[in-house]
N, C-alpha and C. Protein backbone atom coordinates (compact mmCIF):
# COMPACT_ATOMS: atom_id res chain seq x y z
N MET A 1 -89.95 -198.33 -36.48
CA MET A 1 -89.19 -199.36 -35.80
C MET A 1 -87.81 -198.78 -35.50
N ALA A 2 -87.40 -198.91 -34.25
CA ALA A 2 -86.11 -198.41 -33.81
C ALA A 2 -85.10 -199.55 -33.77
N GLN A 3 -83.85 -199.19 -33.68
CA GLN A 3 -82.80 -200.19 -33.53
C GLN A 3 -81.88 -199.72 -32.41
N VAL A 4 -81.57 -200.64 -31.52
CA VAL A 4 -80.71 -200.36 -30.38
C VAL A 4 -79.51 -201.29 -30.48
N THR A 5 -78.34 -200.76 -30.19
CA THR A 5 -77.14 -201.59 -30.15
C THR A 5 -76.74 -201.76 -28.70
N LEU A 6 -76.76 -202.99 -28.24
CA LEU A 6 -76.36 -203.31 -26.88
C LEU A 6 -74.94 -203.85 -26.92
N ASN A 7 -74.09 -203.35 -26.06
CA ASN A 7 -72.72 -203.83 -25.97
C ASN A 7 -72.61 -204.75 -24.77
N ILE A 8 -72.49 -206.03 -25.07
CA ILE A 8 -72.40 -207.06 -24.04
C ILE A 8 -71.04 -207.73 -24.19
N ASN A 9 -70.24 -207.68 -23.14
CA ASN A 9 -68.91 -208.27 -23.15
C ASN A 9 -68.10 -207.75 -24.34
N GLN A 10 -68.19 -206.45 -24.55
CA GLN A 10 -67.46 -205.74 -25.60
C GLN A 10 -67.84 -206.20 -27.01
N GLN A 11 -69.03 -206.77 -27.14
CA GLN A 11 -69.55 -207.18 -28.45
C GLN A 11 -70.85 -206.43 -28.70
N PRO A 12 -71.00 -205.82 -29.88
CA PRO A 12 -72.25 -205.12 -30.18
C PRO A 12 -73.32 -206.10 -30.66
N TYR A 13 -74.53 -205.90 -30.16
CA TYR A 13 -75.68 -206.69 -30.59
C TYR A 13 -76.78 -205.71 -30.99
N ALA A 14 -77.11 -205.69 -32.28
CA ALA A 14 -78.15 -204.81 -32.78
C ALA A 14 -79.50 -205.49 -32.59
N ILE A 15 -80.42 -204.76 -31.94
CA ILE A 15 -81.75 -205.29 -31.63
C ILE A 15 -82.79 -204.32 -32.17
N ALA A 16 -83.73 -204.83 -32.94
CA ALA A 16 -84.84 -204.00 -33.41
C ALA A 16 -85.94 -204.01 -32.35
N CYS A 17 -86.58 -202.87 -32.19
CA CYS A 17 -87.66 -202.78 -31.21
C CYS A 17 -88.58 -201.63 -31.60
N ALA A 18 -89.73 -201.59 -30.95
CA ALA A 18 -90.66 -200.48 -31.15
C ALA A 18 -90.04 -199.21 -30.60
N ASP A 19 -90.42 -198.08 -31.17
CA ASP A 19 -89.85 -196.80 -30.75
C ASP A 19 -90.01 -196.56 -29.25
N ASP A 20 -91.14 -196.98 -28.68
CA ASP A 20 -91.38 -196.72 -27.27
C ASP A 20 -90.69 -197.73 -26.34
N GLU A 21 -89.95 -198.68 -26.90
CA GLU A 21 -89.26 -199.68 -26.09
C GLU A 21 -87.76 -199.43 -26.00
N VAL A 22 -87.26 -198.40 -26.67
CA VAL A 22 -85.81 -198.15 -26.73
C VAL A 22 -85.21 -197.98 -25.35
N GLU A 23 -85.76 -197.09 -24.56
CA GLU A 23 -85.21 -196.81 -23.23
C GLU A 23 -85.20 -198.05 -22.35
N ARG A 24 -86.30 -198.78 -22.37
CA ARG A 24 -86.40 -200.00 -21.55
C ARG A 24 -85.38 -201.04 -22.00
N LEU A 25 -85.24 -201.21 -23.31
CA LEU A 25 -84.30 -202.19 -23.84
C LEU A 25 -82.86 -201.81 -23.49
N GLU A 26 -82.54 -200.52 -23.56
CA GLU A 26 -81.21 -200.07 -23.17
C GLU A 26 -80.94 -200.35 -21.70
N LEU A 27 -81.94 -200.12 -20.85
CA LEU A 27 -81.80 -200.41 -19.43
C LEU A 27 -81.56 -201.91 -19.19
N LEU A 28 -82.37 -202.73 -19.83
CA LEU A 28 -82.21 -204.18 -19.68
C LEU A 28 -80.85 -204.64 -20.21
N GLY A 29 -80.41 -204.05 -21.32
CA GLY A 29 -79.10 -204.38 -21.86
C GLY A 29 -77.98 -204.03 -20.89
N THR A 30 -78.14 -202.91 -20.20
CA THR A 30 -77.15 -202.51 -19.20
C THR A 30 -77.10 -203.52 -18.06
N VAL A 31 -78.26 -203.98 -17.62
CA VAL A 31 -78.32 -204.97 -16.53
C VAL A 31 -77.62 -206.26 -16.97
N VAL A 32 -77.92 -206.71 -18.18
CA VAL A 32 -77.30 -207.94 -18.68
C VAL A 32 -75.79 -207.74 -18.82
N SER A 33 -75.39 -206.60 -19.36
CA SER A 33 -73.97 -206.32 -19.55
C SER A 33 -73.22 -206.32 -18.21
N GLU A 34 -73.82 -205.71 -17.20
CA GLU A 34 -73.19 -205.69 -15.88
C GLU A 34 -73.06 -207.09 -15.30
N ARG A 35 -74.10 -207.90 -15.46
CA ARG A 35 -74.04 -209.27 -14.94
C ARG A 35 -73.00 -210.09 -15.69
N VAL A 36 -72.93 -209.92 -17.01
CA VAL A 36 -71.92 -210.63 -17.79
C VAL A 36 -70.52 -210.22 -17.34
N ALA A 37 -70.33 -208.93 -17.07
CA ALA A 37 -69.02 -208.45 -16.59
C ALA A 37 -68.68 -209.09 -15.25
N GLU A 38 -69.66 -209.19 -14.34
CA GLU A 38 -69.42 -209.84 -13.05
C GLU A 38 -69.01 -211.30 -13.24
N LEU A 39 -69.76 -212.00 -14.08
CA LEU A 39 -69.48 -213.42 -14.32
C LEU A 39 -68.13 -213.60 -15.01
N SER A 40 -67.84 -212.73 -15.94
CA SER A 40 -66.57 -212.79 -16.64
C SER A 40 -65.41 -212.58 -15.67
N GLY A 41 -65.61 -211.67 -14.72
CA GLY A 41 -64.59 -211.43 -13.72
C GLY A 41 -64.34 -212.63 -12.83
N SER A 42 -65.39 -213.38 -12.53
CA SER A 42 -65.21 -214.53 -11.64
C SER A 42 -64.90 -215.82 -12.39
N LEU A 43 -65.41 -215.95 -13.62
CA LEU A 43 -65.21 -217.19 -14.37
C LEU A 43 -64.13 -217.08 -15.45
N GLY A 44 -63.78 -215.86 -15.80
CA GLY A 44 -62.87 -215.68 -16.92
C GLY A 44 -63.67 -215.68 -18.22
N GLN A 45 -62.98 -215.62 -19.32
CA GLN A 45 -63.65 -215.62 -20.62
C GLN A 45 -63.97 -217.06 -21.02
N VAL A 46 -65.22 -217.42 -20.85
CA VAL A 46 -65.66 -218.77 -21.21
C VAL A 46 -66.50 -218.75 -22.48
N GLY A 47 -66.54 -217.62 -23.13
CA GLY A 47 -67.31 -217.48 -24.37
C GLY A 47 -68.54 -216.63 -24.13
N ASP A 48 -68.86 -215.80 -25.13
CA ASP A 48 -69.99 -214.89 -25.00
C ASP A 48 -71.31 -215.62 -24.77
N ALA A 49 -71.53 -216.67 -25.54
CA ALA A 49 -72.82 -217.38 -25.43
C ALA A 49 -73.02 -217.93 -24.02
N LYS A 50 -71.97 -218.54 -23.48
CA LYS A 50 -72.08 -219.12 -22.14
C LYS A 50 -72.25 -218.04 -21.08
N LEU A 51 -71.51 -216.92 -21.21
CA LEU A 51 -71.64 -215.83 -20.25
C LEU A 51 -73.04 -215.22 -20.29
N ILE A 52 -73.56 -215.03 -21.49
CA ILE A 52 -74.91 -214.45 -21.62
C ILE A 52 -75.95 -215.42 -21.06
N LEU A 53 -75.78 -216.71 -21.34
CA LEU A 53 -76.70 -217.71 -20.79
C LEU A 53 -76.66 -217.71 -19.27
N LEU A 54 -75.46 -217.71 -18.70
CA LEU A 54 -75.33 -217.69 -17.24
C LEU A 54 -75.92 -216.41 -16.65
N ALA A 55 -75.70 -215.28 -17.33
CA ALA A 55 -76.28 -214.02 -16.86
C ALA A 55 -77.80 -214.10 -16.87
N ALA A 56 -78.35 -214.62 -17.95
CA ALA A 56 -79.81 -214.76 -18.04
C ALA A 56 -80.35 -215.67 -16.94
N LEU A 57 -79.68 -216.78 -16.71
CA LEU A 57 -80.14 -217.71 -15.68
C LEU A 57 -80.07 -217.10 -14.29
N THR A 58 -79.00 -216.39 -13.98
CA THR A 58 -78.90 -215.80 -12.64
C THR A 58 -79.91 -214.68 -12.47
N LEU A 59 -80.13 -213.88 -13.52
CA LEU A 59 -81.12 -212.81 -13.42
C LEU A 59 -82.53 -213.37 -13.28
N LEU A 60 -82.83 -214.42 -14.04
CA LEU A 60 -84.16 -215.05 -13.93
C LEU A 60 -84.35 -215.69 -12.56
N ASP A 61 -83.30 -216.28 -12.02
CA ASP A 61 -83.39 -216.88 -10.70
C ASP A 61 -83.70 -215.82 -9.65
N GLU A 62 -83.02 -214.68 -9.73
CA GLU A 62 -83.29 -213.59 -8.79
C GLU A 62 -84.72 -213.08 -8.95
N ALA A 63 -85.18 -212.96 -10.19
CA ALA A 63 -86.56 -212.51 -10.43
C ALA A 63 -87.56 -213.52 -9.86
N LYS A 64 -87.28 -214.81 -10.01
CA LYS A 64 -88.16 -215.86 -9.48
C LYS A 64 -88.23 -215.78 -7.96
N VAL A 65 -87.10 -215.58 -7.31
CA VAL A 65 -87.08 -215.44 -5.85
C VAL A 65 -87.95 -214.26 -5.42
N GLU A 66 -87.81 -213.14 -6.11
CA GLU A 66 -88.61 -211.96 -5.78
C GLU A 66 -90.09 -212.20 -6.03
N MET A 67 -90.42 -212.88 -7.14
CA MET A 67 -91.82 -213.19 -7.43
C MET A 67 -92.41 -214.12 -6.36
N ASP A 68 -91.63 -215.08 -5.91
CA ASP A 68 -92.09 -215.98 -4.86
C ASP A 68 -92.34 -215.21 -3.56
N LYS A 69 -91.45 -214.27 -3.24
CA LYS A 69 -91.64 -213.45 -2.04
C LYS A 69 -92.94 -212.66 -2.14
N LEU A 70 -93.16 -212.05 -3.31
CA LEU A 70 -94.39 -211.27 -3.50
C LEU A 70 -95.63 -212.15 -3.40
N ALA A 71 -95.55 -213.35 -3.96
CA ALA A 71 -96.68 -214.28 -3.88
C ALA A 71 -96.96 -214.67 -2.43
N ASN A 72 -95.90 -214.92 -1.67
CA ASN A 72 -96.06 -215.27 -0.26
C ASN A 72 -96.66 -214.10 0.53
N GLU A 73 -96.20 -212.89 0.23
CA GLU A 73 -96.75 -211.71 0.89
C GLU A 73 -98.22 -211.52 0.53
N ALA A 74 -98.57 -211.76 -0.73
CA ALA A 74 -99.96 -211.63 -1.15
C ALA A 74 -100.83 -212.67 -0.46
N GLU A 75 -100.29 -213.88 -0.31
CA GLU A 75 -101.03 -214.94 0.39
C GLU A 75 -101.23 -214.57 1.85
N ALA A 76 -100.20 -214.03 2.48
CA ALA A 76 -100.30 -213.61 3.88
C ALA A 76 -101.31 -212.48 4.01
N ASP A 77 -101.30 -211.54 3.05
CA ASP A 77 -102.27 -210.45 3.06
C ASP A 77 -103.69 -210.98 2.91
N ALA A 78 -103.88 -211.96 2.02
CA ALA A 78 -105.21 -212.54 1.82
C ALA A 78 -105.69 -213.22 3.09
N THR A 79 -104.78 -213.91 3.78
CA THR A 79 -105.14 -214.57 5.04
C THR A 79 -105.53 -213.53 6.09
N GLU A 80 -104.78 -212.45 6.15
CA GLU A 80 -105.08 -211.38 7.11
C GLU A 80 -106.43 -210.74 6.80
N ILE A 81 -106.71 -210.53 5.54
CA ILE A 81 -108.01 -209.96 5.14
C ILE A 81 -109.13 -210.90 5.53
N ALA A 82 -108.94 -212.19 5.32
CA ALA A 82 -109.96 -213.17 5.70
C ALA A 82 -110.18 -213.16 7.21
N ASN A 83 -109.10 -213.04 7.98
CA ASN A 83 -109.21 -212.97 9.44
C ASN A 83 -109.97 -211.73 9.88
N ILE A 84 -109.69 -210.60 9.23
CA ILE A 84 -110.39 -209.36 9.56
C ILE A 84 -111.87 -209.48 9.20
N ALA A 85 -112.15 -210.07 8.05
CA ALA A 85 -113.55 -210.25 7.64
C ALA A 85 -114.30 -211.14 8.64
N ALA A 86 -113.63 -212.18 9.12
CA ALA A 86 -114.25 -213.07 10.12
C ALA A 86 -114.50 -212.32 11.42
N ALA A 87 -113.56 -211.48 11.83
CA ALA A 87 -113.74 -210.69 13.05
C ALA A 87 -114.88 -209.70 12.89
N VAL A 88 -114.99 -209.07 11.72
CA VAL A 88 -116.10 -208.14 11.46
C VAL A 88 -117.43 -208.87 11.53
N ALA A 89 -117.50 -210.07 10.95
CA ALA A 89 -118.73 -210.86 10.99
C ALA A 89 -119.11 -211.20 12.42
N LYS A 90 -118.12 -211.55 13.25
CA LYS A 90 -118.40 -211.84 14.65
C LYS A 90 -118.92 -210.60 15.38
N LEU A 91 -118.30 -209.46 15.11
CA LEU A 91 -118.76 -208.22 15.73
C LEU A 91 -120.18 -207.87 15.29
N GLU A 92 -120.50 -208.12 14.03
CA GLU A 92 -121.86 -207.86 13.55
C GLU A 92 -122.86 -208.78 14.25
N ASP A 93 -122.47 -210.06 14.45
CA ASP A 93 -123.34 -210.99 15.17
C ASP A 93 -123.57 -210.53 16.60
N ILE A 94 -122.49 -210.08 17.25
CA ILE A 94 -122.62 -209.60 18.63
C ILE A 94 -123.51 -208.38 18.67
N ALA A 95 -123.35 -207.48 17.71
CA ALA A 95 -124.19 -206.27 17.66
C ALA A 95 -125.66 -206.65 17.45
N GLU A 96 -125.94 -207.62 16.59
CA GLU A 96 -127.32 -208.07 16.38
C GLU A 96 -127.91 -208.66 17.66
N ASN A 97 -127.09 -209.46 18.37
CA ASN A 97 -127.56 -210.08 19.62
C ASN A 97 -127.86 -209.02 20.65
N ILE A 98 -127.04 -207.97 20.71
CA ILE A 98 -127.28 -206.90 21.67
C ILE A 98 -128.56 -206.16 21.31
N GLU A 99 -128.72 -205.87 20.02
CA GLU A 99 -129.92 -205.14 19.57
C GLU A 99 -131.20 -205.91 19.83
N SER A 100 -131.15 -207.24 19.68
CA SER A 100 -132.36 -208.04 19.85
C SER A 100 -132.61 -208.43 21.30
N ALA A 101 -131.69 -208.12 22.18
CA ALA A 101 -131.88 -208.48 23.60
C ALA A 101 -132.75 -207.50 24.33
């Protein structure tokens, strides 16, 4: 078991994690720290808990927007695939009609 110390708003937070999660956790901690710094710059020091909560909410909101975009793209792709399959079926019917004529 590894331990990582994340510095968020100049406060150390020790987090235990699996050995293979250290790099990922450090990356995520950096993202949170950067967002907290942005919020702190615009809101001032409103307390670590509130800054971290706001950072989490804004990051999750951005992730949700991206997930919705991906879902919409997947839906559009599925519709396009269905349209192509329908066109292929029509072409097969036409080919059968030609062969039987």
